[in-house]
Amino acid sequence: MDHQQDLAAQLLEFERQKELTDNAVALGSQLSVERVHDIKSRSSQATAEEAAMLEQFMQSQGSNN
């Protein structure tokens, strides 16, 4: 599994565990909800900067990933 698929899977699991929506993740990561949805659904790849923003947000929320 490549990094983009890992990130999408991490987002799906993170949202499930924390009971968050794409809107909440977008607000916390400072990305648009459309970008979060596209990354999570694997319809487009996250840039390195977007991936870092999402990973930082998940870590700040106590993600176990």
PDB file of N, CA and C in Angstrom:
ATOM      1  N   MET A   1       0.852  -1.180   0.000  1.00  0.00           N
ATOM      2  CA  MET A   1       0.000   0.000   0.000  1.00  0.00           C
ATOM      3  C   MET A   1       0.893   1.237   0.000  1.00  0.00           C
ATOM      4  N   ASP A   2       0.629   2.171  -0.928  1.00  0.00           N
ATOM      5  CA  ASP A   2       1.463   3.359  -0.991  1.00  0.00           C
ATOM      6  C   ASP A   2       1.009   4.399   0.036  1.00  0.00           C
ATOM      7  N   HIS A   3       1.791   5.475   0.136  1.00  0.00           N
ATOM      8  CA  HIS A   3       1.531   6.494   1.162  1.00  0.00           C
ATOM      9  C   HIS A   3       0.158   7.135   1.000  1.00  0.00           C
ATOM     10  N   GLN A   4      -0.283   7.382  -0.250  1.00  0.00           N
ATOM     11  CA  GLN A   4      -1.591   8.006  -0.478  1.00  0.00           C
ATOM     12  C   GLN A   4      -2.720   7.093  -0.004  1.00  0.00           C
ATOM     13  N   GLN A   5      -2.603   5.796  -0.283  1.00  0.00           N
ATOM     14  CA  GLN A   5      -3.622   4.864   0.186  1.00  0.00           C
ATOM     15  C   GLN A   5      -3.577   4.759   1.699  1.00  0.00           C
ATOM     16  N   ASP A   6      -2.370   4.772   2.273  1.00  0.00           N
ATOM     17  CA  ASP A   6      -2.239   4.755   3.725  1.00  0.00           C
ATOM     18  C   ASP A   6      -2.923   5.967   4.342  1.00  0.00           C
ATOM     19  N   LEU A   7      -2.705   7.143   3.760  1.00  0.00           N
ATOM     20  CA  LEU A   7      -3.305   8.369   4.286  1.00  0.00           C
ATOM     21  C   LEU A   7      -4.824   8.297   4.201  1.00  0.00           C
ATOM     22  N   ALA A   8      -5.343   7.839   3.078  1.00  0.00           N
ATOM     23  CA  ALA A   8      -6.793   7.712   2.929  1.00  0.00           C
ATOM     24  C   ALA A   8      -7.353   6.739   3.963  1.00  0.00           C
ATOM     25  N   ALA A   9      -6.693   5.608   4.150  1.00  0.00           N
ATOM     26  CA  ALA A   9      -7.142   4.628   5.140  1.00  0.00           C
ATOM     27  C   ALA A   9      -7.045   5.203   6.552  1.00  0.00           C
ATOM     28  N   GLN A  10      -5.978   5.940   6.830  1.00  0.00           N
ATOM     29  CA  GLN A  10      -5.823   6.573   8.143  1.00  0.00           C
ATOM     30  C   GLN A  10      -6.943   7.577   8.392  1.00  0.00           C
ATOM     31  N   LEU A  11      -7.281   8.361   7.372  1.00  0.00           N
ATOM     32  CA  LEU A  11      -8.372   9.335   7.519  1.00  0.00           C
ATOM     33  C   LEU A  11      -9.696   8.641   7.807  1.00  0.00           C
ATOM     34  N   LEU A  12      -9.977   7.588   7.060  1.00  0.00           N
ATOM     35  CA  LEU A  12     -11.224   6.849   7.278  1.00  0.00           C
ATOM     36  C   LEU A  12     -11.301   6.301   8.702  1.00  0.00           C
ATOM     37  N   GLU A  13     -10.233   5.684   9.150  1.00  0.00           N
ATOM     38  CA  GLU A  13     -10.209   5.113  10.499  1.00  0.00           C
ATOM     39  C   GLU A  13     -10.246   6.201  11.566  1.00  0.00           C
ATOM     40  N   PHE A  14      -9.515   7.278  11.348  1.00  0.00           N
ATOM     41  CA  PHE A  14      -9.492   8.398  12.289  1.00  0.00           C
ATOM     42  C   PHE A  14     -10.892   8.987  12.460  1.00  0.00           C
ATOM     43  N   GLU A  15     -11.578   9.247  11.341  1.00  0.00           N
ATOM     44  CA  GLU A  15     -12.935   9.789  11.416  1.00  0.00           C
ATOM     45  C   GLU A  15     -13.877   8.826  12.132  1.00  0.00           C
ATOM     46  N   ARG A  16     -13.704   7.531  11.874  1.00  0.00           N
ATOM     47  CA  ARG A  16     -14.565   6.538  12.527  1.00  0.00           C
ATOM     48  C   ARG A  16     -14.314   6.512  14.030  1.00  0.00           C
ATOM     49  N   GLN A  17     -13.039   6.453  14.424  1.00  0.00           N
ATOM     50  CA  GLN A  17     -12.700   6.377  15.844  1.00  0.00           C
ATOM     51  C   GLN A  17     -13.117   7.629  16.613  1.00  0.00           C
ATOM     52  N   LYS A  18     -12.918   8.770  15.998  1.00  0.00           N
ATOM     53  CA  LYS A  18     -13.191  10.045  16.676  1.00  0.00           C
ATOM     54  C   LYS A  18     -14.612  10.551  16.426  1.00  0.00           C
ATOM     55  N   GLU A  19     -15.356   9.817  15.591  1.00  0.00           N
ATOM     56  CA  GLU A  19     -16.718  10.205  15.220  1.00  0.00           C
ATOM     57  C   GLU A  19     -16.740  11.617  14.648  1.00  0.00           C
ATOM     58  N   LEU A  20     -15.859  11.852  13.680  1.00  0.00           N
ATOM     59  CA  LEU A  20     -15.738  13.153  13.032  1.00  0.00           C
ATOM     60  C   LEU A  20     -16.235  13.075  11.593  1.00  0.00           C
ATOM     61  N   THR A  21     -16.640  14.211  11.082  1.00  0.00           N
ATOM     62  CA  THR A  21     -17.043  14.331   9.683  1.00  0.00           C
ATOM     63  C   THR A  21     -15.893  14.926   8.879  1.00  0.00           C
ATOM     64  N   ASP A  22     -16.047  14.904   7.558  1.00  0.00           N
ATOM     65  CA  ASP A  22     -15.066  15.573   6.705  1.00  0.00           C
ATOM     66  C   ASP A  22     -14.986  17.055   7.057  1.00  0.00           C
ATOM     67  N   ASN A  23     -16.118  17.656   7.417  1.00  0.00           N
ATOM     68  CA  ASN A  23     -16.124  19.080   7.788  1.00  0.00           C
ATOM     69  C   ASN A  23     -15.239  19.340   9.001  1.00  0.00           C
ATOM     70  N   ALA A  24     -15.324  18.496  10.003  1.00  0.00           N
ATOM     71  CA  ALA A  24     -14.521  18.676  11.213  1.00  0.00           C
ATOM     72  C   ALA A  24     -13.030  18.498  10.910  1.00  0.00           C
ATOM     73  N   VAL A  25     -12.703  17.526  10.074  1.00  0.00           N
ATOM     74  CA  VAL A  25     -11.307  17.304   9.702  1.00  0.00           C
ATOM     75  C   VAL A  25     -10.798  18.489   8.880  1.00  0.00           C
ATOM     76  N   ALA A  26     -11.624  18.989   7.984  1.00  0.00           N
ATOM     77  CA  ALA A  26     -11.229  20.140   7.167  1.00  0.00           C
ATOM     78  C   ALA A  26     -10.951  21.352   8.049  1.00  0.00           C
ATOM     79  N   LEU A  27     -11.829  21.608   8.980  1.00  0.00           N
ATOM     80  CA  LEU A  27     -11.646  22.750   9.879  1.00  0.00           C
ATOM     81  C   LEU A  27     -10.363  22.597  10.688  1.00  0.00           C
ATOM     82  N   GLY A  28     -10.146  21.427  11.229  1.00  0.00           N
ATOM     83  CA  GLY A  28      -8.969  21.192  12.060  1.00  0.00           C
ATOM     84  C   GLY A  28      -7.662  21.190  11.294  1.00  0.00           C
ATOM     85  N   SER A  29      -7.700  20.738  10.058  1.00  0.00           N
ATOM     86  CA  SER A  29      -6.471  20.644   9.264  1.00  0.00           C
ATOM     87  C   SER A  29      -6.244  21.881   8.396  1.00  0.00           C
ATOM     88  N   GLN A  30      -7.237  22.753   8.326  1.00  0.00           N
ATOM     89  CA  GLN A  30      -7.200  23.969   7.514  1.00  0.00           C
ATOM     90  C   GLN A  30      -7.181  23.677   6.015  1.00  0.00           C
ATOM     91  N   LEU A  31      -7.755  22.539   5.637  1.00  0.00           N
ATOM     92  CA  LEU A  31      -7.967  22.211   4.229  1.00  0.00           C
ATOM     93  C   LEU A  31      -9.447  22.385   3.921  1.00  0.00           C
ATOM     94  N   SER A  32      -9.786  22.472   2.653  1.00  0.00           N
ATOM     95  CA  SER A  32     -11.200  22.557   2.301  1.00  0.00           C
ATOM     96  C   SER A  32     -11.838  21.175   2.481  1.00  0.00           C
ATOM     97  N   VAL A  33     -13.123  21.181   2.738  1.00  0.00           N
ATOM     98  CA  VAL A  33     -13.832  19.915   2.903  1.00  0.00           C
ATOM     99  C   VAL A  33     -13.773  19.114   1.604  1.00  0.00           C
ATOM    100  N   GLU A  34     -13.766  19.799   0.469  1.00  0.00           N
ATOM    101  CA  GLU A  34     -13.675  19.106  -0.818  1.00  0.00           C
ATOM    102  C   GLU A  34     -12.349  18.362  -0.947  1.00  0.00           C
ATOM    103  N   ARG A  35     -11.251  18.987  -0.509  1.00  0.00           N
ATOM    104  CA  ARG A  35      -9.933  18.335  -0.575  1.00  0.00           C
ATOM    105  C   ARG A  35      -9.889  17.126   0.353  1.00  0.00           C
ATOM    106  N   VAL A  36     -10.414  17.269   1.565  1.00  0.00           N
ATOM    107  CA  VAL A  36     -10.430  16.153   2.502  1.00  0.00           C
ATOM    108  C   VAL A  36     -11.212  14.991   1.892  1.00  0.00           C
ATOM    109  N   HIS A  37     -12.363  15.291   1.331  1.00  0.00           N
ATOM    110  CA  HIS A  37     -13.177  14.235   0.721  1.00  0.00           C
ATOM    111  C   HIS A  37     -12.449  13.587  -0.452  1.00  0.00           C
ATOM    112  N   ASP A  38     -11.845  14.394  -1.320  1.00  0.00           N
ATOM    113  CA  ASP A  38     -11.124  13.844  -2.476  1.00  0.00           C
ATOM    114  C   ASP A  38      -9.959  12.952  -2.048  1.00  0.00           C
ATOM    115  N   ILE A  39      -9.229  13.383  -1.040  1.00  0.00           N
ATOM    116  CA  ILE A  39      -8.087  12.598  -0.552  1.00  0.00           C
ATOM    117  C   ILE A  39      -8.579  11.298   0.069  1.00  0.00           C
ATOM    118  N   LYS A  40      -9.598  11.416   0.892  1.00  0.00           N
ATOM    119  CA  LYS A  40     -10.139  10.244   1.580  1.00  0.00           C
ATOM    120  C   LYS A  40     -10.735   9.237   0.597  1.00  0.00           C
ATOM    121  N   SER A  41     -11.383   9.727  -0.439  1.00  0.00           N
ATOM    122  CA  SER A  41     -12.000   8.834  -1.428  1.00  0.00           C
ATOM    123  C   SER A  41     -11.018   8.382  -2.499  1.00  0.00           C
ATOM    124  N   ARG A  42      -9.786   8.876  -2.408  1.00  0.00           N
ATOM    125  CA  ARG A  42      -8.708   8.523  -3.340  1.00  0.00           C
ATOM    126  C   ARG A  42      -8.972   8.995  -4.764  1.00  0.00           C
ATOM    127  N   SER A  43      -9.828  10.010  -4.917  1.00  0.00           N
ATOM    128  CA  SER A  43     -10.060  10.542  -6.260  1.00  0.00           C
ATOM    129  C   SER A  43      -8.959  11.505  -6.681  1.00  0.00           C
ATOM    130  N   SER A  44      -8.181  11.984  -5.723  1.00  0.00           N
ATOM    131  CA  SER A  44      -6.967  12.745  -6.033  1.00  0.00           C
ATOM    132  C   SER A  44      -5.977  12.561  -4.894  1.00  0.00           C
ATOM    133  N   GLN A  45      -4.722  12.796  -5.206  1.00  0.00           N
ATOM    134  CA  GLN A  45      -3.670  12.595  -4.220  1.00  0.00           C
ATOM    135  C   GLN A  45      -3.397  13.871  -3.442  1.00  0.00           C
ATOM    136  N   ALA A  46      -3.068  13.709  -2.177  1.00  0.00           N
ATOM    137  CA  ALA A  46      -2.676  14.843  -1.351  1.00  0.00           C
ATOM    138  C   ALA A  46      -1.278  15.287  -1.734  1.00  0.00           C
ATOM    139  N   THR A  47      -1.061  16.596  -1.708  1.00  0.00           N
ATOM    140  CA  THR A  47       0.301  17.097  -1.864  1.00  0.00           C
ATOM    141  C   THR A  47       1.049  16.770  -0.577  1.00  0.00           C
ATOM    142  N   ALA A  48       2.349  16.924  -0.607  1.00  0.00           N
ATOM    143  CA  ALA A  48       3.145  16.685   0.602  1.00  0.00           C
ATOM    144  C   ALA A  48       2.701  17.628   1.721  1.00  0.00           C
ATOM    145  N   GLU A  49       2.394  18.864   1.360  1.00  0.00           N
ATOM    146  CA  GLU A  49       1.952  19.842   2.360  1.00  0.00           C
ATOM    147  C   GLU A  49       0.588  19.445   2.946  1.00  0.00           C
ATOM    148  N   GLU A  50      -0.344  19.027   2.092  1.00  0.00           N
ATOM    149  CA  GLU A  50      -1.660  18.606   2.570  1.00  0.00           C
ATOM    150  C   GLU A  50      -1.548  17.380   3.468  1.00  0.00           C
ATOM    151  N   ALA A  51      -0.724  16.427   3.062  1.00  0.00           N
ATOM    152  CA  ALA A  51      -0.534  15.219   3.871  1.00  0.00           C
ATOM    153  C   ALA A  51       0.020  15.596   5.240  1.00  0.00           C
ATOM    154  N   ALA A  52       0.977  16.506   5.270  1.00  0.00           N
ATOM    155  CA  ALA A  52       1.560  16.936   6.543  1.00  0.00           C
ATOM    156  C   ALA A  52       0.516  17.630   7.417  1.00  0.00           C
ATOM    157  N   MET A  53      -0.335  18.452   6.805  1.00  0.00           N
ATOM    158  CA  MET A  53      -1.376  19.146   7.567  1.00  0.00           C
ATOM    159  C   MET A  53      -2.367  18.147   8.169  1.00  0.00           C
ATOM    160  N   LEU A  54      -2.760  17.156   7.382  1.00  0.00           N
ATOM    161  CA  LEU A  54      -3.693  16.147   7.877  1.00  0.00           C
ATOM    162  C   LEU A  54      -3.061  15.296   8.977  1.00  0.00           C
ATOM    163  N   GLU A  55      -1.827  14.887   8.762  1.00  0.00           N
ATOM    164  CA  GLU A  55      -1.145  14.067   9.765  1.00  0.00           C
ATOM    165  C   GLU A  55      -0.938  14.842  11.063  1.00  0.00           C
ATOM    166  N   GLN A  56      -0.603  16.121  10.953  1.00  0.00           N
ATOM    167  CA  GLN A  56      -0.433  16.948  12.151  1.00  0.00           C
ATOM    168  C   GLN A  56      -1.753  17.073  12.910  1.00  0.00           C
ATOM    169  N   PHE A  57      -2.850  17.278  12.179  1.00  0.00           N
ATOM    170  CA  PHE A  57      -4.155  17.366  12.835  1.00  0.00           C
ATOM    171  C   PHE A  57      -4.510  16.057  13.535  1.00  0.00           C
ATOM    172  N   MET A  58      -4.310  14.934  12.851  1.00  0.00           N
ATOM    173  CA  MET A  58      -4.650  13.646  13.470  1.00  0.00           C
ATOM    174  C   MET A  58      -3.818  13.416  14.726  1.00  0.00           C
ATOM    175  N   GLN A  59      -2.530  13.756  14.686  1.00  0.00           N
ATOM    176  CA  GLN A  59      -1.670  13.603  15.855  1.00  0.00           C
ATOM    177  C   GLN A  59      -2.128  14.522  16.986  1.00  0.00           C
ATOM    178  N   SER A  60      -2.558  15.727  16.650  1.00  0.00           N
ATOM    179  CA  SER A  60      -2.989  16.671  17.684  1.00  0.00           C
ATOM    180  C   SER A  60      -4.252  16.203  18.384  1.00  0.00           C
ATOM    181  N   GLN A  61      -5.005  15.336  17.726  1.00  0.00           N
ATOM    182  CA  GLN A  61      -6.250  14.815  18.298  1.00  0.00           C
ATOM    183  C   GLN A  61      -6.058  13.464  18.981  1.00  0.00           C
ATOM    184  N   GLY A  62      -4.813  13.052  19.090  1.00  0.00           N
ATOM    185  CA  GLY A  62      -4.530  11.799  19.782  1.00  0.00           C
ATOM    186  C   GLY A  62      -4.768  10.575  18.947  1.00  0.00           C
ATOM    187  N   SER A  63      -4.537  10.679  17.647  1.00  0.00           N
ATOM    188  CA  SER A  63      -4.700   9.528  16.769  1.00  0.00           C
ATOM    189  C   SER A  63      -3.692   8.457  17.135  1.00  0.00           C
ATOM    190  N   ASN A  64      -4.123   7.201  17.057  1.00  0.00           N
ATOM    191  CA  ASN A  64      -3.244   6.072  17.333  1.00  0.00           C
ATOM    192  C   ASN A  64      -2.535   5.605  16.087  1.00  0.00           C
ATOM    193  N   ASN A  65      -2.731   6.279  14.952  1.00  0.00           N
ATOM    194  CA  ASN A  65      -2.117   5.883  13.675  1.00  0.00           C
ATOM    195  C   ASN A  65      -0.743   6.458  13.526  1.00  0.00           C
TER     196      ASN A  65
END
